[in-house]
């Protein structure tokens, strides 16, 4: 299930909230290569459509700075069986 949030509370005495957000992630579970015998290479993509959103707007007690979520990220991990 993709991450969804209704928006954190903000403003004076936390009486309002930020807009809702929806993030789509994609992952290929495992790409096996028979050439190297047992090598696996998962390749997840975080925030597939590259739609950053504001997580916190900097209002509230002790916050002081707005925070945004990550942009599109690609990860590659290699594992080899012995």
PDB file of N, CA and C in Angstrom:
ATOM      1  N   UNK A   1       0.835  -1.174   0.000  1.00  0.00           N
ATOM      2  CA  UNK A   1       0.000   0.000   0.000  1.00  0.00           C
ATOM      3  C   UNK A   1       0.887   1.247   0.000  1.00  0.00           C
ATOM      4  N   UNK A   2       0.648   2.182  -0.889  1.00  0.00           N
ATOM      5  CA  UNK A   2       1.461   3.394  -0.944  1.00  0.00           C
ATOM      6  C   UNK A   2       1.240   4.269   0.284  1.00  0.00           C
ATOM      7  N   UNK A   3       2.277   5.029   0.666  1.00  0.00           N
ATOM      8  CA  UNK A   3       2.120   5.926   1.812  1.00  0.00           C
ATOM      9  C   UNK A   3       1.092   7.026   1.532  1.00  0.00           C
ATOM     10  N   UNK A   4       0.214   7.241   2.482  1.00  0.00           N
ATOM     11  CA  UNK A   4      -0.790   8.290   2.404  1.00  0.00           C
ATOM     12  C   UNK A   4      -0.856   8.966   3.764  1.00  0.00           C
ATOM     13  N   UNK A   5      -1.020  10.268   3.768  1.00  0.00           N
ATOM     14  CA  UNK A   5      -1.163  11.001   5.023  1.00  0.00           C
ATOM     15  C   UNK A   5      -2.190  12.095   4.871  1.00  0.00           C
ATOM     16  N   UNK A   6      -2.912  12.339   5.934  1.00  0.00           N
ATOM     17  CA  UNK A   6      -3.946  13.361   5.884  1.00  0.00           C
ATOM     18  C   UNK A   6      -3.411  14.743   6.215  1.00  0.00           C
ATOM     19  N   UNK A   7      -2.118  14.870   6.485  1.00  0.00           N
ATOM     20  CA  UNK A   7      -1.511  16.161   6.800  1.00  0.00           C
ATOM     21  C   UNK A   7      -1.399  16.370   8.293  1.00  0.00           C
ATOM     22  N   UNK A   8      -0.223  16.776   8.742  1.00  0.00           N
ATOM     23  CA  UNK A   8      -0.009  17.014  10.158  1.00  0.00           C
ATOM     24  C   UNK A   8      -0.668  18.309  10.600  1.00  0.00           C
ATOM     25  N   UNK A   9      -0.931  18.411  11.876  1.00  0.00           N
ATOM     26  CA  UNK A   9      -1.520  19.615  12.451  1.00  0.00           C
ATOM     27  C   UNK A   9      -0.504  20.754  12.423  1.00  0.00           C
ATOM     28  N   UNK A  10      -0.991  21.983  12.290  1.00  0.00           N
ATOM     29  CA  UNK A  10      -0.118  23.151  12.296  1.00  0.00           C
ATOM     30  C   UNK A  10      -0.892  24.363  12.755  1.00  0.00           C
ATOM     31  N   UNK A  11      -0.209  25.497  12.769  1.00  0.00           N
ATOM     32  CA  UNK A  11      -0.867  26.747  13.124  1.00  0.00           C
ATOM     33  C   UNK A  11      -0.944  26.974  14.619  1.00  0.00           C
ATOM     34  N   UNK A  12      -1.599  28.058  14.988  1.00  0.00           N
ATOM     35  CA  UNK A  12      -1.759  28.420  16.387  1.00  0.00           C
ATOM     36  C   UNK A  12      -2.564  27.347  17.108  1.00  0.00           C
ATOM     37  N   UNK A  13      -1.995  26.810  18.148  1.00  0.00           N
ATOM     38  CA  UNK A  13      -2.635  25.761  18.970  1.00  0.00           C
ATOM     39  C   UNK A  13      -3.036  24.542  18.129  1.00  0.00           C
ATOM     40  N   UNK A  14      -2.341  24.345  17.012  1.00  0.00           N
ATOM     41  CA  UNK A  14      -2.575  23.191  16.136  1.00  0.00           C
ATOM     42  C   UNK A  14      -4.047  23.056  15.734  1.00  0.00           C
ATOM     43  N   UNK A  15      -4.656  24.164  15.329  1.00  0.00           N
ATOM     44  CA  UNK A  15      -6.077  24.155  14.968  1.00  0.00           C
ATOM     45  C   UNK A  15      -6.324  23.880  13.491  1.00  0.00           C
ATOM     46  N   UNK A  16      -5.287  23.887  12.661  1.00  0.00           N
ATOM     47  CA  UNK A  16      -5.452  23.567  11.237  1.00  0.00           C
ATOM     48  C   UNK A  16      -4.491  22.442  10.886  1.00  0.00           C
ATOM     49  N   UNK A  17      -4.480  22.032   9.626  1.00  0.00           N
ATOM     50  CA  UNK A  17      -3.549  20.977   9.224  1.00  0.00           C
ATOM     51  C   UNK A  17      -3.071  21.207   7.801  1.00  0.00           C
ATOM     52  N   UNK A  18      -1.958  20.576   7.471  1.00  0.00           N
ATOM     53  CA  UNK A  18      -1.373  20.665   6.133  1.00  0.00           C
ATOM     54  C   UNK A  18      -2.195  19.838   5.150  1.00  0.00           C
ATOM     55  N   UNK A  19      -2.023  20.074   3.839  1.00  0.00           N
ATOM     56  CA  UNK A  19      -2.763  19.280   2.846  1.00  0.00           C
ATOM     57  C   UNK A  19      -2.391  17.792   2.893  1.00  0.00           C
ATOM     58  N   UNK A  20      -3.306  16.966   2.453  1.00  0.00           N
ATOM     59  CA  UNK A  20      -3.053  15.520   2.382  1.00  0.00           C
ATOM     60  C   UNK A  20      -2.001  15.228   1.323  1.00  0.00           C
ATOM     61  N   UNK A  21      -1.341  14.086   1.454  1.00  0.00           N
ATOM     62  CA  UNK A  21      -0.308  13.703   0.485  1.00  0.00           C
ATOM     63  C   UNK A  21      -0.432  12.221   0.152  1.00  0.00           C
ATOM     64  N   UNK A  22       0.141  11.859  -0.990  1.00  0.00           N
ATOM     65  CA  UNK A  22       0.112  10.491  -1.487  1.00  0.00           C
ATOM     66  C   UNK A  22       1.415  10.253  -2.228  1.00  0.00           C
ATOM     67  N   UNK A  23       2.137   9.225  -1.869  1.00  0.00           N
ATOM     68  CA  UNK A  23       3.438   8.948  -2.489  1.00  0.00           C
ATOM     69  C   UNK A  23       3.422   7.546  -3.077  1.00  0.00           C
ATOM     70  N   UNK A  24       3.932   7.391  -4.293  1.00  0.00           N
ATOM     71  CA  UNK A  24       3.974   6.094  -4.958  1.00  0.00           C
ATOM     72  C   UNK A  24       5.417   5.616  -5.007  1.00  0.00           C
ATOM     73  N   UNK A  25       5.650   4.401  -4.517  1.00  0.00           N
ATOM     74  CA  UNK A  25       6.964   3.772  -4.555  1.00  0.00           C
ATOM     75  C   UNK A  25       6.892   2.549  -5.460  1.00  0.00           C
ATOM     76  N   UNK A  26       8.005   2.208  -6.076  1.00  0.00           N
ATOM     77  CA  UNK A  26       8.050   1.028  -6.946  1.00  0.00           C
ATOM     78  C   UNK A  26       9.293   0.226  -6.604  1.00  0.00           C
ATOM     79  N   UNK A  27       9.171  -1.077  -6.696  1.00  0.00           N
ATOM     80  CA  UNK A  27      10.324  -1.927  -6.403  1.00  0.00           C
ATOM     81  C   UNK A  27      10.244  -3.194  -7.225  1.00  0.00           C
ATOM     82  N   UNK A  28      11.331  -3.518  -7.843  1.00  0.00           N
ATOM     83  CA  UNK A  28      11.454  -4.828  -8.465  1.00  0.00           C
ATOM     84  C   UNK A  28      12.067  -5.720  -7.407  1.00  0.00           C
ATOM     85  N   UNK A  29      11.378  -6.757  -7.064  1.00  0.00           N
ATOM     86  CA  UNK A  29      11.800  -7.567  -5.920  1.00  0.00           C
ATOM     87  C   UNK A  29      13.231  -8.072  -6.058  1.00  0.00           C
ATOM     88  N   UNK A  30      13.513  -8.840  -7.080  1.00  0.00           N
ATOM     89  CA  UNK A  30      14.863  -9.372  -7.256  1.00  0.00           C
ATOM     90  C   UNK A  30      15.103  -9.665  -8.731  1.00  0.00           C
ATOM     91  N   UNK A  31      16.235  -9.233  -9.197  1.00  0.00           N
ATOM     92  CA  UNK A  31      16.664  -9.574 -10.552  1.00  0.00           C
ATOM     93  C   UNK A  31      17.840 -10.527 -10.417  1.00  0.00           C
ATOM     94  N   UNK A  32      17.622 -11.787 -10.710  1.00  0.00           N
ATOM     95  CA  UNK A  32      18.686 -12.786 -10.594  1.00  0.00           C
ATOM     96  C   UNK A  32      19.448 -12.887 -11.905  1.00  0.00           C
ATOM     97  N   UNK A  33      20.737 -13.067 -11.791  1.00  0.00           N
ATOM     98  CA  UNK A  33      21.578 -13.212 -12.985  1.00  0.00           C
ATOM     99  C   UNK A  33      22.205 -14.602 -12.979  1.00  0.00           C
ATOM    100  N   UNK A  34      21.842 -15.463 -13.913  1.00  0.00           N
ATOM    101  CA  UNK A  34      22.405 -16.812 -13.942  1.00  0.00           C
ATOM    102  C   UNK A  34      23.888 -16.817 -14.322  1.00  0.00           C
ATOM    103  N   UNK A  35      24.373 -15.763 -14.958  1.00  0.00           N
ATOM    104  CA  UNK A  35      25.761 -15.698 -15.380  1.00  0.00           C
ATOM    105  C   UNK A  35      26.720 -15.750 -14.185  1.00  0.00           C
ATOM    106  N   UNK A  36      26.376 -15.062 -13.102  1.00  0.00           N
ATOM    107  CA  UNK A  36      27.245 -15.023 -11.937  1.00  0.00           C
ATOM    108  C   UNK A  36      26.784 -15.954 -10.822  1.00  0.00           C
ATOM    109  N   UNK A  37      25.758 -16.711 -11.048  1.00  0.00           N
ATOM    110  CA  UNK A  37      25.294 -17.733 -10.115  1.00  0.00           C
ATOM    111  C   UNK A  37      24.904 -17.230  -8.740  1.00  0.00           C
ATOM    112  N   UNK A  38      23.674 -16.861  -8.557  1.00  0.00           N
ATOM    113  CA  UNK A  38      23.181 -16.465  -7.247  1.00  0.00           C
ATOM    114  C   UNK A  38      23.306 -14.986  -6.929  1.00  0.00           C
ATOM    115  N   UNK A  39      23.670 -14.156  -7.892  1.00  0.00           N
ATOM    116  CA  UNK A  39      23.722 -12.717  -7.644  1.00  0.00           C
ATOM    117  C   UNK A  39      22.309 -12.153  -7.754  1.00  0.00           C
ATOM    118  N   UNK A  40      21.932 -11.388  -6.748  1.00  0.00           N
ATOM    119  CA  UNK A  40      20.612 -10.756  -6.745  1.00  0.00           C
ATOM    120  C   UNK A  40      20.791  -9.250  -6.681  1.00  0.00           C
ATOM    121  N   UNK A  41      19.922  -8.519  -7.382  1.00  0.00           N
ATOM    122  CA  UNK A  41      20.025  -7.061  -7.445  1.00  0.00           C
ATOM    123  C   UNK A  41      18.646  -6.417  -7.362  1.00  0.00           C
ATOM    124  N   UNK A  42      18.140  -6.158  -6.147  1.00  0.00           N
ATOM    125  CA  UNK A  42      16.875  -5.426  -6.045  1.00  0.00           C
ATOM    126  C   UNK A  42      17.072  -3.958  -6.408  1.00  0.00           C
ATOM    127  N   UNK A  43      16.052  -3.339  -6.996  1.00  0.00           N
ATOM    128  CA  UNK A  43      16.153  -1.955  -7.473  1.00  0.00           C
ATOM    129  C   UNK A  43      14.884  -1.192  -7.119  1.00  0.00           C
ATOM    130  N   UNK A  44      14.759  -0.703  -5.882  1.00  0.00           N
ATOM    131  CA  UNK A  44      13.568   0.085  -5.522  1.00  0.00           C
ATOM    132  C   UNK A  44      13.688   1.547  -5.944  1.00  0.00           C
ATOM    133  N   UNK A  45      12.541   2.162  -6.243  1.00  0.00           N
ATOM    134  CA  UNK A  45      12.461   3.588  -6.553  1.00  0.00           C
ATOM    135  C   UNK A  45      11.481   4.202  -5.558  1.00  0.00           C
ATOM    136  N   UNK A  46      11.954   5.200  -4.807  1.00  0.00           N
ATOM    137  CA  UNK A  46      11.130   5.866  -3.808  1.00  0.00           C
ATOM    138  C   UNK A  46      10.625   7.179  -4.393  1.00  0.00           C
ATOM    139  N   UNK A  47       9.352   7.469  -4.218  1.00  0.00           N
ATOM    140  CA  UNK A  47       8.685   8.662  -4.752  1.00  0.00           C
ATOM    141  C   UNK A  47       8.779   8.670  -6.280  1.00  0.00           C
ATOM    142  N   UNK A  48       8.186   7.692  -6.886  1.00  0.00           N
ATOM    143  CA  UNK A  48       8.274   7.435  -8.324  1.00  0.00           C
ATOM    144  C   UNK A  48       7.936   8.638  -9.189  1.00  0.00           C
ATOM    145  N   UNK A  49       6.913   9.406  -8.848  1.00  0.00           N
ATOM    146  CA  UNK A  49       6.488  10.535  -9.679  1.00  0.00           C
ATOM    147  C   UNK A  49       7.152  11.854  -9.285  1.00  0.00           C
ATOM    148  N   UNK A  50       8.123  11.803  -8.360  1.00  0.00           N
ATOM    149  CA  UNK A  50       8.920  12.964  -7.945  1.00  0.00           C
ATOM    150  C   UNK A  50       8.038  14.130  -7.512  1.00  0.00           C
ATOM    151  N   UNK A  51       7.114  13.847  -6.594  1.00  0.00           N
ATOM    152  CA  UNK A  51       6.225  14.884  -6.087  1.00  0.00           C
ATOM    153  C   UNK A  51       6.519  15.101  -4.612  1.00  0.00           C
ATOM    154  N   UNK A  52       7.502  15.971  -4.300  1.00  0.00           N
ATOM    155  CA  UNK A  52       7.776  16.238  -2.880  1.00  0.00           C
ATOM    156  C   UNK A  52       6.627  17.020  -2.256  1.00  0.00           C
ATOM    157  N   UNK A  53       6.435  16.853  -0.989  1.00  0.00           N
ATOM    158  CA  UNK A  53       5.375  17.555  -0.282  1.00  0.00           C
ATOM    159  C   UNK A  53       5.919  18.024   1.052  1.00  0.00           C
ATOM    160  N   UNK A  54       5.252  18.992   1.632  1.00  0.00           N
ATOM    161  CA  UNK A  54       5.690  19.561   2.897  1.00  0.00           C
ATOM    162  C   UNK A  54       5.196  18.686   4.040  1.00  0.00           C
ATOM    163  N   UNK A  55       6.133  18.211   4.825  1.00  0.00           N
ATOM    164  CA  UNK A  55       5.794  17.360   5.953  1.00  0.00           C
ATOM    165  C   UNK A  55       5.432  18.197   7.174  1.00  0.00           C
ATOM    166  N   UNK A  56       6.222  19.245   7.437  1.00  0.00           N
ATOM    167  CA  UNK A  56       5.957  20.191   8.526  1.00  0.00           C
ATOM    168  C   UNK A  56       6.197  21.591   7.997  1.00  0.00           C
ATOM    169  N   UNK A  57       5.405  22.559   8.445  1.00  0.00           N
ATOM    170  CA  UNK A  57       5.564  23.914   7.913  1.00  0.00           C
ATOM    171  C   UNK A  57       6.334  24.858   8.831  1.00  0.00           C
ATOM    172  N   UNK A  58       6.826  24.381   9.945  1.00  0.00           N
ATOM    173  CA  UNK A  58       7.645  25.204  10.827  1.00  0.00           C
ATOM    174  C   UNK A  58       6.877  25.926  11.906  1.00  0.00           C
ATOM    175  N   UNK A  59       5.561  25.804  11.929  1.00  0.00           N
ATOM    176  CA  UNK A  59       4.793  26.415  13.009  1.00  0.00           C
ATOM    177  C   UNK A  59       4.693  25.434  14.161  1.00  0.00           C
ATOM    178  N   UNK A  60       4.339  25.919  15.294  1.00  0.00           N
ATOM    179  CA  UNK A  60       4.195  25.054  16.451  1.00  0.00           C
ATOM    180  C   UNK A  60       5.306  25.277  17.463  1.00  0.00           C
ATOM    181  N   UNK A  61       5.228  24.582  18.544  1.00  0.00           N
ATOM    182  CA  UNK A  61       6.173  24.756  19.643  1.00  0.00           C
ATOM    183  C   UNK A  61       7.463  24.003  19.347  1.00  0.00           C
ATOM    184  N   UNK A  62       8.587  24.709  19.320  1.00  0.00           N
ATOM    185  CA  UNK A  62       9.896  24.095  19.177  1.00  0.00           C
ATOM    186  C   UNK A  62      10.248  23.584  17.795  1.00  0.00           C
ATOM    187  N   UNK A  63       9.501  23.929  16.775  1.00  0.00           N
ATOM    188  CA  UNK A  63       9.788  23.420  15.435  1.00  0.00           C
ATOM    189  C   UNK A  63      10.703  24.390  14.710  1.00  0.00           C
ATOM    190  N   UNK A  64      10.220  25.549  14.309  1.00  0.00           N
ATOM    191  CA  UNK A  64      11.047  26.614  13.765  1.00  0.00           C
ATOM    192  C   UNK A  64      11.475  26.524  12.318  1.00  0.00           C
ATOM    193  N   UNK A  65      11.390  25.396  11.657  1.00  0.00           N
ATOM    194  CA  UNK A  65      11.829  25.293  10.268  1.00  0.00           C
ATOM    195  C   UNK A  65      10.932  24.320   9.502  1.00  0.00           C
ATOM    196  N   UNK A  66      10.583  24.651   8.258  1.00  0.00           N
ATOM    197  CA  UNK A  66       9.775  23.717   7.467  1.00  0.00           C
ATOM    198  C   UNK A  66      10.599  22.499   7.048  1.00  0.00           C
ATOM    199  N   UNK A  67       9.929  21.390   6.868  1.00  0.00           N
ATOM    200  CA  UNK A  67      10.591  20.160   6.436  1.00  0.00           C
ATOM    201  C   UNK A  67       9.817  19.561   5.269  1.00  0.00           C
ATOM    202  N   UNK A  68      10.559  19.085   4.288  1.00  0.00           N
ATOM    203  CA  UNK A  68       9.971  18.474   3.102  1.00  0.00           C
ATOM    204  C   UNK A  68      10.415  17.024   3.005  1.00  0.00           C
ATOM    205  N   UNK A  69       9.667  16.236   2.277  1.00  0.00           N
ATOM    206  CA  UNK A  69      10.038  14.834   2.083  1.00  0.00           C
ATOM    207  C   UNK A  69      11.071  14.721   0.972  1.00  0.00           C
ATOM    208  N   UNK A  70      11.583  13.521   0.805  1.00  0.00           N
ATOM    209  CA  UNK A  70      12.629  13.291  -0.186  1.00  0.00           C
ATOM    210  C   UNK A  70      12.098  13.349  -1.618  1.00  0.00           C
ATOM    211  N   UNK A  71      12.982  13.700  -2.528  1.00  0.00           N
ATOM    212  CA  UNK A  71      12.654  13.670  -3.947  1.00  0.00           C
ATOM    213  C   UNK A  71      12.755  12.232  -4.433  1.00  0.00           C
ATOM    214  N   UNK A  72      12.711  12.014  -5.734  1.00  0.00           N
ATOM    215  CA  UNK A  72      12.824  10.664  -6.275  1.00  0.00           C
ATOM    216  C   UNK A  72      14.211  10.102  -5.958  1.00  0.00           C
ATOM    217  N   UNK A  73      14.246   8.862  -5.478  1.00  0.00           N
ATOM    218  CA  UNK A  73      15.502   8.200  -5.145  1.00  0.00           C
ATOM    219  C   UNK A  73      15.547   6.824  -5.768  1.00  0.00           C
ATOM    220  N   UNK A  74      16.722   6.444  -6.236  1.00  0.00           N
ATOM    221  CA  UNK A  74      16.969   5.117  -6.793  1.00  0.00           C
ATOM    222  C   UNK A  74      17.974   4.408  -5.888  1.00  0.00           C
ATOM    223  N   UNK A  75      17.721   3.154  -5.601  1.00  0.00           N
ATOM    224  CA  UNK A  75      18.631   2.382  -4.787  1.00  0.00           C
ATOM    225  C   UNK A  75      18.952   1.087  -5.513  1.00  0.00           C
ATOM    226  N   UNK A  76      20.172   0.619  -5.355  1.00  0.00           N
ATOM    227  CA  UNK A  76      20.591  -0.652  -5.933  1.00  0.00           C
ATOM    228  C   UNK A  76      21.400  -1.390  -4.876  1.00  0.00           C
ATOM    229  N   UNK A  77      21.039  -2.620  -4.605  1.00  0.00           N
ATOM    230  CA  UNK A  77      21.780  -3.426  -3.656  1.00  0.00           C
ATOM    231  C   UNK A  77      22.174  -4.727  -4.353  1.00  0.00           C
ATOM    232  N   UNK A  78      23.372  -5.179  -4.134  1.00  0.00           N
ATOM    233  CA  UNK A  78      23.859  -6.427  -4.722  1.00  0.00           C
ATOM    234  C   UNK A  78      24.134  -7.425  -3.616  1.00  0.00           C
ATOM    235  N   UNK A  79      23.731  -8.658  -3.835  1.00  0.00           N
ATOM    236  CA  UNK A  79      24.063  -9.735  -2.897  1.00  0.00           C
ATOM    237  C   UNK A  79      24.515 -10.945  -3.706  1.00  0.00           C
ATOM    238  N   UNK A  80      25.522 -11.629  -3.187  1.00  0.00           N
ATOM    239  CA  UNK A  80      26.101 -12.790  -3.879  1.00  0.00           C
ATOM    240  C   UNK A  80      26.107 -13.968  -2.942  1.00  0.00           C
ATOM    241  N   UNK A  81      25.582 -15.100  -3.388  1.00  0.00           N
ATOM    242  CA  UNK A  81      25.627 -16.333  -2.593  1.00  0.00           C
ATOM    243  C   UNK A  81      26.963 -17.020  -2.794  1.00  0.00           C
ATOM    244  N   UNK A  82      27.457 -17.616  -1.730  1.00  0.00           N
ATOM    245  CA  UNK A  82      28.728 -18.362  -1.815  1.00  0.00           C
ATOM    246  C   UNK A  82      28.475 -19.827  -1.652  1.00  0.00           C
TER     247      UNK A  82
END
